[in-house]
Amino acid sequence: MESLLYEARVDVVFASHTHAYERFERIYDSKANSQGPMYITIGDAGNNKAHKFISDHELAHLSIFRETSFGHGRLSIMDNRRAVWTWHGA
C-alpha cells in the first residue's frame, strides 16, 4: 500500500486506533523522505485512559509530536492546493 500512496503523491494519511495523537515526518520506505506522505494518528477523542507509546518502535525516531491526552484535530481546506491541519489538546 505504501508504494501506491507514494506514487499517487499523497500528502497526508490519517489513521486511528491508538487512543492518542502522533504526527510523523514525511516517510517512505521507513525513512524520512520529503516526497512521502505525513502520517497522523488521531485517535485521542476516544482517550479515556492514559496511553503509553512504544519508544523503541522502529519509526519512533521519525515522530515529530506525541501526546496521550484527550484532544481532537481540525483539517481546514483553504483552496485546491492548500490545507491547514491543527490539533487541539484538552
PDB file of N, CA and C in Angstrom:
ATOM      1  N   MET A   1       0.826  -1.192   0.000  1.00  0.00           N
ATOM      2  CA  MET A   1       0.000   0.000   0.000  1.00  0.00           C
ATOM      3  C   MET A   1       0.871   1.258   0.000  1.00  0.00           C
ATOM      4  N   GLU A   2       1.996   1.206   0.713  1.00  0.00           N
ATOM      5  CA  GLU A   2       2.843   2.387   0.824  1.00  0.00           C
ATOM      6  C   GLU A   2       3.318   2.875  -0.540  1.00  0.00           C
ATOM      7  N   SER A   3       3.707   1.965  -1.419  1.00  0.00           N
ATOM      8  CA  SER A   3       4.186   2.394  -2.735  1.00  0.00           C
ATOM      9  C   SER A   3       3.076   3.052  -3.551  1.00  0.00           C
ATOM     10  N   LEU A   4       1.839   2.600  -3.388  1.00  0.00           N
ATOM     11  CA  LEU A   4       0.713   3.235  -4.082  1.00  0.00           C
ATOM     12  C   LEU A   4       0.501   4.659  -3.588  1.00  0.00           C
ATOM     13  N   LEU A   5       0.576   4.857  -2.265  1.00  0.00           N
ATOM     14  CA  LEU A   5       0.427   6.200  -1.709  1.00  0.00           C
ATOM     15  C   LEU A   5       1.539   7.120  -2.195  1.00  0.00           C
ATOM     16  N   TYR A   6       2.758   6.598  -2.229  1.00  0.00           N
ATOM     17  CA  TYR A   6       3.917   7.376  -2.668  1.00  0.00           C
ATOM     18  C   TYR A   6       3.789   7.754  -4.143  1.00  0.00           C
ATOM     19  N   GLU A   7       3.447   6.779  -4.983  1.00  0.00           N
ATOM     20  CA  GLU A   7       3.310   7.034  -6.424  1.00  0.00           C
ATOM     21  C   GLU A   7       2.169   8.002  -6.725  1.00  0.00           C
ATOM     22  N   ALA A   8       1.120   7.975  -5.913  1.00  0.00           N
ATOM     23  CA  ALA A   8      -0.015   8.886  -6.103  1.00  0.00           C
ATOM     24  C   ALA A   8       0.247  10.260  -5.494  1.00  0.00           C
ATOM     25  N   ARG A   9       1.429  10.440  -4.888  1.00  0.00           N
ATOM     26  CA  ARG A   9       1.836  11.701  -4.274  1.00  0.00           C
ATOM     27  C   ARG A   9       0.878  12.165  -3.176  1.00  0.00           C
ATOM     28  N   VAL A  10       0.445  11.205  -2.378  1.00  0.00           N
ATOM     29  CA  VAL A  10      -0.428  11.507  -1.235  1.00  0.00           C
ATOM     30  C   VAL A  10       0.359  12.357  -0.248  1.00  0.00           C
ATOM     31  N   ASP A  11      -0.254  13.420   0.252  1.00  0.00           N
ATOM     32  CA  ASP A  11       0.413  14.327   1.186  1.00  0.00           C
ATOM     33  C   ASP A  11       0.289  13.891   2.633  1.00  0.00           C
ATOM     34  N   VAL A  12      -0.880  13.374   3.007  1.00  0.00           N
ATOM     35  CA  VAL A  12      -1.092  13.037   4.416  1.00  0.00           C
ATOM     36  C   VAL A  12      -2.007  11.822   4.534  1.00  0.00           C
ATOM     37  N   VAL A  13      -1.725  10.993   5.527  1.00  0.00           N
ATOM     38  CA  VAL A  13      -2.549   9.824   5.824  1.00  0.00           C
ATOM     39  C   VAL A  13      -3.017   9.955   7.271  1.00  0.00           C
ATOM     40  N   PHE A  14      -4.328   9.953   7.478  1.00  0.00           N
ATOM     41  CA  PHE A  14      -4.900   9.990   8.819  1.00  0.00           C
ATOM     42  C   PHE A  14      -5.319   8.580   9.192  1.00  0.00           C
ATOM     43  N   ALA A  15      -4.958   8.159  10.376  1.00  0.00           N
ATOM     44  CA  ALA A  15      -5.321   6.835  10.858  1.00  0.00           C
ATOM     45  C   ALA A  15      -5.700   6.934  12.326  1.00  0.00           C
ATOM     46  N   SER A  16      -6.411   5.930  12.788  1.00  0.00           N
ATOM     47  CA  SER A  16      -6.777   5.935  14.200  1.00  0.00           C
ATOM     48  C   SER A  16      -6.967   4.515  14.681  1.00  0.00           C
ATOM     49  N   HIS A  17      -6.406   4.229  15.770  1.00  0.00           N
ATOM     50  CA  HIS A  17      -6.664   3.028  16.553  1.00  0.00           C
ATOM     51  C   HIS A  17      -6.139   3.296  17.953  1.00  0.00           C
ATOM     52  N   THR A  18      -4.906   3.755  17.997  1.00  0.00           N
ATOM     53  CA  THR A  18      -4.308   4.135  19.268  1.00  0.00           C
ATOM     54  C   THR A  18      -5.055   5.352  19.810  1.00  0.00           C
ATOM     55  N   HIS A  19      -5.403   5.338  21.079  1.00  0.00           N
ATOM     56  CA  HIS A  19      -6.134   6.457  21.676  1.00  0.00           C
ATOM     57  C   HIS A  19      -5.149   7.528  22.140  1.00  0.00           C
ATOM     58  N   ALA A  20      -4.520   8.144  21.151  1.00  0.00           N
ATOM     59  CA  ALA A  20      -3.522   9.178  21.395  1.00  0.00           C
ATOM     60  C   ALA A  20      -3.348   9.944  20.088  1.00  0.00           C
ATOM     61  N   TYR A  21      -2.471  10.940  20.114  1.00  0.00           N
ATOM     62  CA  TYR A  21      -2.159  11.732  18.920  1.00  0.00           C
ATOM     63  C   TYR A  21      -0.669  11.617  18.644  1.00  0.00           C
ATOM     64  N   GLU A  22      -0.330  11.348  17.385  1.00  0.00           N
ATOM     65  CA  GLU A  22       1.075  11.321  16.985  1.00  0.00           C
ATOM     66  C   GLU A  22       1.188  11.762  15.538  1.00  0.00           C
ATOM     67  N   ARG A  23       2.204  12.574  15.279  1.00  0.00           N
ATOM     68  CA  ARG A  23       2.445  13.079  13.923  1.00  0.00           C
ATOM     69  C   ARG A  23       3.887  12.750  13.559  1.00  0.00           C
ATOM     70  N   PHE A  24       4.083  12.236  12.367  1.00  0.00           N
ATOM     71  CA  PHE A  24       5.402  11.840  11.890  1.00  0.00           C
ATOM     72  C   PHE A  24       5.906  12.781  10.802  1.00  0.00           C
ATOM     73  N   GLU A  25       7.205  12.739  10.575  1.00  0.00           N
ATOM     74  CA  GLU A  25       7.783  13.385   9.403  1.00  0.00           C
ATOM     75  C   GLU A  25       7.193  12.718   8.163  1.00  0.00           C
ATOM     76  N   ARG A  26       7.449  13.300   6.998  1.00  0.00           N
ATOM     77  CA  ARG A  26       7.084  12.625   5.746  1.00  0.00           C
ATOM     78  C   ARG A  26       7.978  11.390   5.635  1.00  0.00           C
ATOM     79  N   ILE A  27       7.368  10.258   5.328  1.00  0.00           N
ATOM     80  CA  ILE A  27       8.084   8.984   5.365  1.00  0.00           C
ATOM     81  C   ILE A  27       7.831   8.191   4.091  1.00  0.00           C
ATOM     82  N   TYR A  28       8.847   7.502   3.641  1.00  0.00           N
ATOM     83  CA  TYR A  28       8.695   6.468   2.619  1.00  0.00           C
ATOM     84  C   TYR A  28       9.783   5.428   2.849  1.00  0.00           C
ATOM     85  N   ASP A  29       9.412   4.183   2.799  1.00  0.00           N
ATOM     86  CA  ASP A  29      10.340   3.064   2.973  1.00  0.00           C
ATOM     87  C   ASP A  29      11.059   3.147   4.323  1.00  0.00           C
ATOM     88  N   SER A  30      10.302   3.490   5.359  1.00  0.00           N
ATOM     89  CA  SER A  30      10.804   3.570   6.748  1.00  0.00           C
ATOM     90  C   SER A  30      11.899   4.610   6.952  1.00  0.00           C
ATOM     91  N   LYS A  31      11.965   5.598   6.067  1.00  0.00           N
ATOM     92  CA  LYS A  31      12.963   6.669   6.189  1.00  0.00           C
ATOM     93  C   LYS A  31      12.286   8.016   5.933  1.00  0.00           C
ATOM     94  N   ALA A  32      12.848   9.074   6.513  1.00  0.00           N
ATOM     95  CA  ALA A  32      12.365  10.420   6.206  1.00  0.00           C
ATOM     96  C   ALA A  32      12.547  10.662   4.712  1.00  0.00           C
ATOM     97  N   ASN A  33      11.494  11.187   4.074  1.00  0.00           N
ATOM     98  CA  ASN A  33      11.529  11.415   2.632  1.00  0.00           C
ATOM     99  C   ASN A  33      10.578  12.573   2.330  1.00  0.00           C
ATOM    100  N   SER A  34      11.086  13.661   1.810  1.00  0.00           N
ATOM    101  CA  SER A  34      10.276  14.866   1.572  1.00  0.00           C
ATOM    102  C   SER A  34       9.154  14.646   0.566  1.00  0.00           C
ATOM    103  N   GLN A  35       9.199  13.557  -0.205  1.00  0.00           N
ATOM    104  CA  GLN A  35       8.151  13.266  -1.182  1.00  0.00           C
ATOM    105  C   GLN A  35       7.118  12.266  -0.647  1.00  0.00           C
ATOM    106  N   GLY A  36       7.382  11.694   0.519  1.00  0.00           N
ATOM    107  CA  GLY A  36       6.456  10.716   1.100  1.00  0.00           C
ATOM    108  C   GLY A  36       5.335  11.395   1.857  1.00  0.00           C
ATOM    109  N   PRO A  37       4.297  10.644   2.216  1.00  0.00           N
ATOM    110  CA  PRO A  37       3.197  11.226   2.982  1.00  0.00           C
ATOM    111  C   PRO A  37       3.567  11.445   4.444  1.00  0.00           C
ATOM    112  N   MET A  38       2.885  12.378   5.085  1.00  0.00           N
ATOM    113  CA  MET A  38       2.976  12.567   6.529  1.00  0.00           C
ATOM    114  C   MET A  38       1.892  11.691   7.146  1.00  0.00           C
ATOM    115  N   TYR A  39       2.251  10.920   8.144  1.00  0.00           N
ATOM    116  CA  TYR A  39       1.297  10.043   8.820  1.00  0.00           C
ATOM    117  C   TYR A  39       0.878  10.672  10.143  1.00  0.00           C
ATOM    118  N   ILE A  40      -0.444  10.718  10.353  1.00  0.00           N
ATOM    119  CA  ILE A  40      -1.004  11.281  11.576  1.00  0.00           C
ATOM    120  C   ILE A  40      -1.946  10.258  12.192  1.00  0.00           C
ATOM    121  N   THR A  41      -1.672   9.904  13.434  1.00  0.00           N
ATOM    122  CA  THR A  41      -2.574   9.051  14.209  1.00  0.00           C
ATOM    123  C   THR A  41      -3.406   9.985  15.073  1.00  0.00           C
ATOM    124  N   ILE A  42      -4.718   9.977  14.853  1.00  0.00           N
ATOM    125  CA  ILE A  42      -5.593  10.891  15.571  1.00  0.00           C
ATOM    126  C   ILE A  42      -6.747  10.088  16.166  1.00  0.00           C
ATOM    127  N   GLY A  43      -6.471   9.464  17.306  1.00  0.00           N
ATOM    128  CA  GLY A  43      -7.473   8.654  17.983  1.00  0.00           C
ATOM    129  C   GLY A  43      -7.733   9.121  19.391  1.00  0.00           C
ATOM    130  N   ASP A  44      -7.249  10.311  19.715  1.00  0.00           N
ATOM    131  CA  ASP A  44      -7.322  10.758  21.102  1.00  0.00           C
ATOM    132  C   ASP A  44      -8.708  11.249  21.536  1.00  0.00           C
ATOM    133  N   ALA A  45      -9.645  11.374  20.618  1.00  0.00           N
ATOM    134  CA  ALA A  45     -11.000  11.741  21.037  1.00  0.00           C
ATOM    135  C   ALA A  45     -11.643  10.606  21.824  1.00  0.00           C
ATOM    136  N   GLY A  46     -11.176   9.383  21.626  1.00  0.00           N
ATOM    137  CA  GLY A  46     -11.691   8.243  22.371  1.00  0.00           C
ATOM    138  C   GLY A  46     -10.852   7.912  23.589  1.00  0.00           C
ATOM    139  N   ASN A  47      -9.908   8.790  23.926  1.00  0.00           N
ATOM    140  CA  ASN A  47      -8.980   8.521  25.018  1.00  0.00           C
ATOM    141  C   ASN A  47      -9.668   8.705  26.365  1.00  0.00           C
ATOM    142  N   ASN A  48      -9.801   7.611  27.106  1.00  0.00           N
ATOM    143  CA  ASN A  48     -10.330   7.731  28.461  1.00  0.00           C
ATOM    144  C   ASN A  48      -9.372   7.123  29.484  1.00  0.00           C
ATOM    145  N   LYS A  49      -8.208   6.699  29.011  1.00  0.00           N
ATOM    146  CA  LYS A  49      -7.172   6.148  29.876  1.00  0.00           C
ATOM    147  C   LYS A  49      -5.824   6.655  29.403  1.00  0.00           C
ATOM    148  N   ALA A  50      -4.879   6.686  30.294  1.00  0.00           N
ATOM    149  CA  ALA A  50      -3.525   7.076  29.899  1.00  0.00           C
ATOM    150  C   ALA A  50      -2.986   6.042  28.920  1.00  0.00           C
ATOM    151  N   HIS A  51      -2.363   6.491  27.873  1.00  0.00           N
ATOM    152  CA  HIS A  51      -1.796   5.616  26.855  1.00  0.00           C
ATOM    153  C   HIS A  51      -0.287   5.781  26.871  1.00  0.00           C
ATOM    154  N   LYS A  52       0.423   4.717  26.691  1.00  0.00           N
ATOM    155  CA  LYS A  52       1.882   4.784  26.639  1.00  0.00           C
ATOM    156  C   LYS A  52       2.349   4.470  25.228  1.00  0.00           C
ATOM    157  N   PHE A  53       3.268   5.256  24.715  1.00  0.00           N
ATOM    158  CA  PHE A  53       3.847   4.999  23.412  1.00  0.00           C
ATOM    159  C   PHE A  53       4.975   3.991  23.550  1.00  0.00           C
ATOM    160  N   ILE A  54       5.189   3.232  22.516  1.00  0.00           N
ATOM    161  CA  ILE A  54       6.312   2.297  22.491  1.00  0.00           C
ATOM    162  C   ILE A  54       7.514   3.068  21.961  1.00  0.00           C
ATOM    163  N   SER A  55       8.440   3.413  22.851  1.00  0.00           N
ATOM    164  CA  SER A  55       9.552   4.285  22.462  1.00  0.00           C
ATOM    165  C   SER A  55      10.569   3.593  21.564  1.00  0.00           C
ATOM    166  N   ASP A  56      10.596   2.276  21.556  1.00  0.00           N
ATOM    167  CA  ASP A  56      11.582   1.588  20.733  1.00  0.00           C
ATOM    168  C   ASP A  56      10.991   1.108  19.403  1.00  0.00           C
ATOM    169  N   HIS A  57       9.828   1.626  19.023  1.00  0.00           N
ATOM    170  CA  HIS A  57       9.240   1.293  17.728  1.00  0.00           C
ATOM    171  C   HIS A  57      10.210   1.704  16.629  1.00  0.00           C
ATOM    172  N   GLU A  58      10.267   0.959  15.553  1.00  0.00           N
ATOM    173  CA  GLU A  58      11.261   1.207  14.505  1.00  0.00           C
ATOM    174  C   GLU A  58      11.152   2.591  13.865  1.00  0.00           C
ATOM    175  N   LEU A  59       9.988   3.233  13.932  1.00  0.00           N
ATOM    176  CA  LEU A  59       9.827   4.572  13.344  1.00  0.00           C
ATOM    177  C   LEU A  59       9.732   5.665  14.401  1.00  0.00           C
ATOM    178  N   ALA A  60       9.953   5.347  15.657  1.00  0.00           N
ATOM    179  CA  ALA A  60       9.828   6.335  16.742  1.00  0.00           C
ATOM    180  C   ALA A  60      10.741   7.538  16.515  1.00  0.00           C
ATOM    181  N   HIS A  61      11.902   7.333  15.922  1.00  0.00           N
ATOM    182  CA  HIS A  61      12.828   8.450  15.683  1.00  0.00           C
ATOM    183  C   HIS A  61      12.300   9.433  14.637  1.00  0.00           C
ATOM    184  N   LEU A  62      11.267   9.049  13.876  1.00  0.00           N
ATOM    185  CA  LEU A  62      10.667   9.931  12.876  1.00  0.00           C
ATOM    186  C   LEU A  62       9.423  10.640  13.399  1.00  0.00           C
ATOM    187  N   SER A  63       9.073  10.386  14.648  1.00  0.00           N
ATOM    188  CA  SER A  63       7.914  11.023  15.264  1.00  0.00           C
ATOM    189  C   SER A  63       8.242  12.478  15.580  1.00  0.00           C
ATOM    190  N   ILE A  64       7.362  13.381  15.162  1.00  0.00           N
ATOM    191  CA  ILE A  64       7.545  14.814  15.396  1.00  0.00           C
ATOM    192  C   ILE A  64       6.897  15.227  16.716  1.00  0.00           C
ATOM    193  N   PHE A  65       5.723  14.649  16.999  1.00  0.00           N
ATOM    194  CA  PHE A  65       4.964  15.063  18.183  1.00  0.00           C
ATOM    195  C   PHE A  65       4.123  13.900  18.669  1.00  0.00           C
ATOM    196  N   ARG A  66       4.080  13.715  19.984  1.00  0.00           N
ATOM    197  CA  ARG A  66       3.267  12.668  20.611  1.00  0.00           C
ATOM    198  C   ARG A  66       2.530  13.265  21.801  1.00  0.00           C
ATOM    199  N   GLU A  67       1.278  12.883  21.957  1.00  0.00           N
ATOM    200  CA  GLU A  67       0.503  13.365  23.101  1.00  0.00           C
ATOM    201  C   GLU A  67      -0.519  12.298  23.473  1.00  0.00           C
ATOM    202  N   THR A  68      -0.646  12.037  24.760  1.00  0.00           N
ATOM    203  CA  THR A  68      -1.560  10.988  25.207  1.00  0.00           C
ATOM    204  C   THR A  68      -2.831  11.523  25.845  1.00  0.00           C
ATOM    205  N   SER A  69      -3.019  12.838  25.874  1.00  0.00           N
ATOM    206  CA  SER A  69      -4.230  13.385  26.495  1.00  0.00           C
ATOM    207  C   SER A  69      -5.390  13.398  25.488  1.00  0.00           C
ATOM    208  N   PHE A  70      -6.585  13.654  25.998  1.00  0.00           N
ATOM    209  CA  PHE A  70      -7.779  13.783  25.171  1.00  0.00           C
ATOM    210  C   PHE A  70      -7.616  14.992  24.245  1.00  0.00           C
ATOM    211  N   GLY A  71      -8.082  14.891  23.015  1.00  0.00           N
ATOM    212  CA  GLY A  71      -7.999  16.016  22.087  1.00  0.00           C
ATOM    213  C   GLY A  71      -8.742  15.722  20.796  1.00  0.00           C
ATOM    214  N   HIS A  72      -8.613  16.643  19.865  1.00  0.00           N
ATOM    215  CA  HIS A  72      -9.219  16.465  18.540  1.00  0.00           C
ATOM    216  C   HIS A  72      -8.421  17.273  17.524  1.00  0.00           C
ATOM    217  N   GLY A  73      -8.629  16.963  16.256  1.00  0.00           N
ATOM    218  CA  GLY A  73      -7.954  17.687  15.185  1.00  0.00           C
ATOM    219  C   GLY A  73      -8.947  18.346  14.259  1.00  0.00           C
ATOM    220  N   ARG A  74      -8.447  19.320  13.504  1.00  0.00           N
ATOM    221  CA  ARG A  74      -9.283  20.010  12.524  1.00  0.00           C
ATOM    222  C   ARG A  74      -8.493  20.189  11.232  1.00  0.00           C
ATOM    223  N   LEU A  75      -9.069  19.728  10.140  1.00  0.00           N
ATOM    224  CA  LEU A  75      -8.478  19.905   8.819  1.00  0.00           C
ATOM    225  C   LEU A  75      -9.299  20.950   8.082  1.00  0.00           C
ATOM    226  N   SER A  76      -8.687  22.085   7.769  1.00  0.00           N
ATOM    227  CA  SER A  76      -9.366  23.165   7.041  1.00  0.00           C
ATOM    228  C   SER A  76      -8.824  23.208   5.618  1.00  0.00           C
ATOM    229  N   ILE A  77      -9.706  23.040   4.661  1.00  0.00           N
ATOM    230  CA  ILE A  77      -9.328  23.115   3.243  1.00  0.00           C
ATOM    231  C   ILE A  77      -9.379  24.579   2.836  1.00  0.00           C
ATOM    232  N   MET A  78      -8.240  25.127   2.466  1.00  0.00           N
ATOM    233  CA  MET A  78      -8.153  26.548   2.114  1.00  0.00           C
ATOM    234  C   MET A  78      -8.539  26.780   0.645  1.00  0.00           C
ATOM    235  N   ASP A  79      -7.996  25.978  -0.242  1.00  0.00           N
ATOM    236  CA  ASP A  79      -8.304  26.039  -1.665  1.00  0.00           C
ATOM    237  C   ASP A  79      -7.857  24.717  -2.276  1.00  0.00           C
ATOM    238  N   ASN A  80      -7.770  24.643  -3.607  1.00  0.00           N
ATOM    239  CA  ASN A  80      -7.435  23.364  -4.244  1.00  0.00           C
ATOM    240  C   ASN A  80      -5.963  22.980  -4.112  1.00  0.00           C
ATOM    241  N   ARG A  81      -5.151  23.808  -3.456  1.00  0.00           N
ATOM    242  CA  ARG A  81      -3.732  23.492  -3.276  1.00  0.00           C
ATOM    243  C   ARG A  81      -3.267  23.535  -1.816  1.00  0.00           C
ATOM    244  N   ARG A  82      -4.102  24.062  -0.925  1.00  0.00           N
ATOM    245  CA  ARG A  82      -3.649  24.256   0.456  1.00  0.00           C
ATOM    246  C   ARG A  82      -4.687  23.767   1.458  1.00  0.00           C
ATOM    247  N   ALA A  83      -4.155  23.191   2.526  1.00  0.00           N
ATOM    248  CA  ALA A  83      -4.984  22.783   3.657  1.00  0.00           C
ATOM    249  C   ALA A  83      -4.180  23.068   4.920  1.00  0.00           C
ATOM    250  N   VAL A  84      -4.885  23.260   6.015  1.00  0.00           N
ATOM    251  CA  VAL A  84      -4.232  23.532   7.301  1.00  0.00           C
ATOM    252  C   VAL A  84      -4.724  22.500   8.306  1.00  0.00           C
ATOM    253  N   TRP A  85      -3.791  21.804   8.954  1.00  0.00           N
ATOM    254  CA  TRP A  85      -4.122  20.823   9.982  1.00  0.00           C
ATOM    255  C   TRP A  85      -3.756  21.415  11.337  1.00  0.00           C
ATOM    256  N   THR A  86      -4.681  21.370  12.284  1.00  0.00           N
ATOM    257  CA  THR A  86      -4.398  21.802  13.655  1.00  0.00           C
ATOM    258  C   THR A  86      -4.877  20.722  14.602  1.00  0.00           C
ATOM    259  N   TRP A  87      -4.145  20.563  15.683  1.00  0.00           N
ATOM    260  CA  TRP A  87      -4.532  19.625  16.736  1.00  0.00           C
ATOM    261  C   TRP A  87      -4.790  20.411  18.000  1.00  0.00           C
ATOM    262  N   HIS A  88      -5.851  20.042  18.709  1.00  0.00           N
ATOM    263  CA  HIS A  88      -6.281  20.760  19.909  1.00  0.00           C
ATOM    264  C   HIS A  88      -6.358  19.780  21.073  1.00  0.00           C
ATOM    265  N   GLY A  89      -5.414  19.880  21.983  1.00  0.00           N
ATOM    266  CA  GLY A  89      -5.415  19.023  23.157  1.00  0.00           C
ATOM    267  C   GLY A  89      -6.270  19.611  24.264  1.00  0.00           C
ATOM    268  N   ALA A  90      -6.704  18.756  25.145  1.00  0.00           N
ATOM    269  CA  ALA A  90      -7.552  19.219  26.244  1.00  0.00           C
ATOM    270  C   ALA A  90      -6.739  19.800  27.361  1.00  0.00           C
TER     271      ALA A  90
END
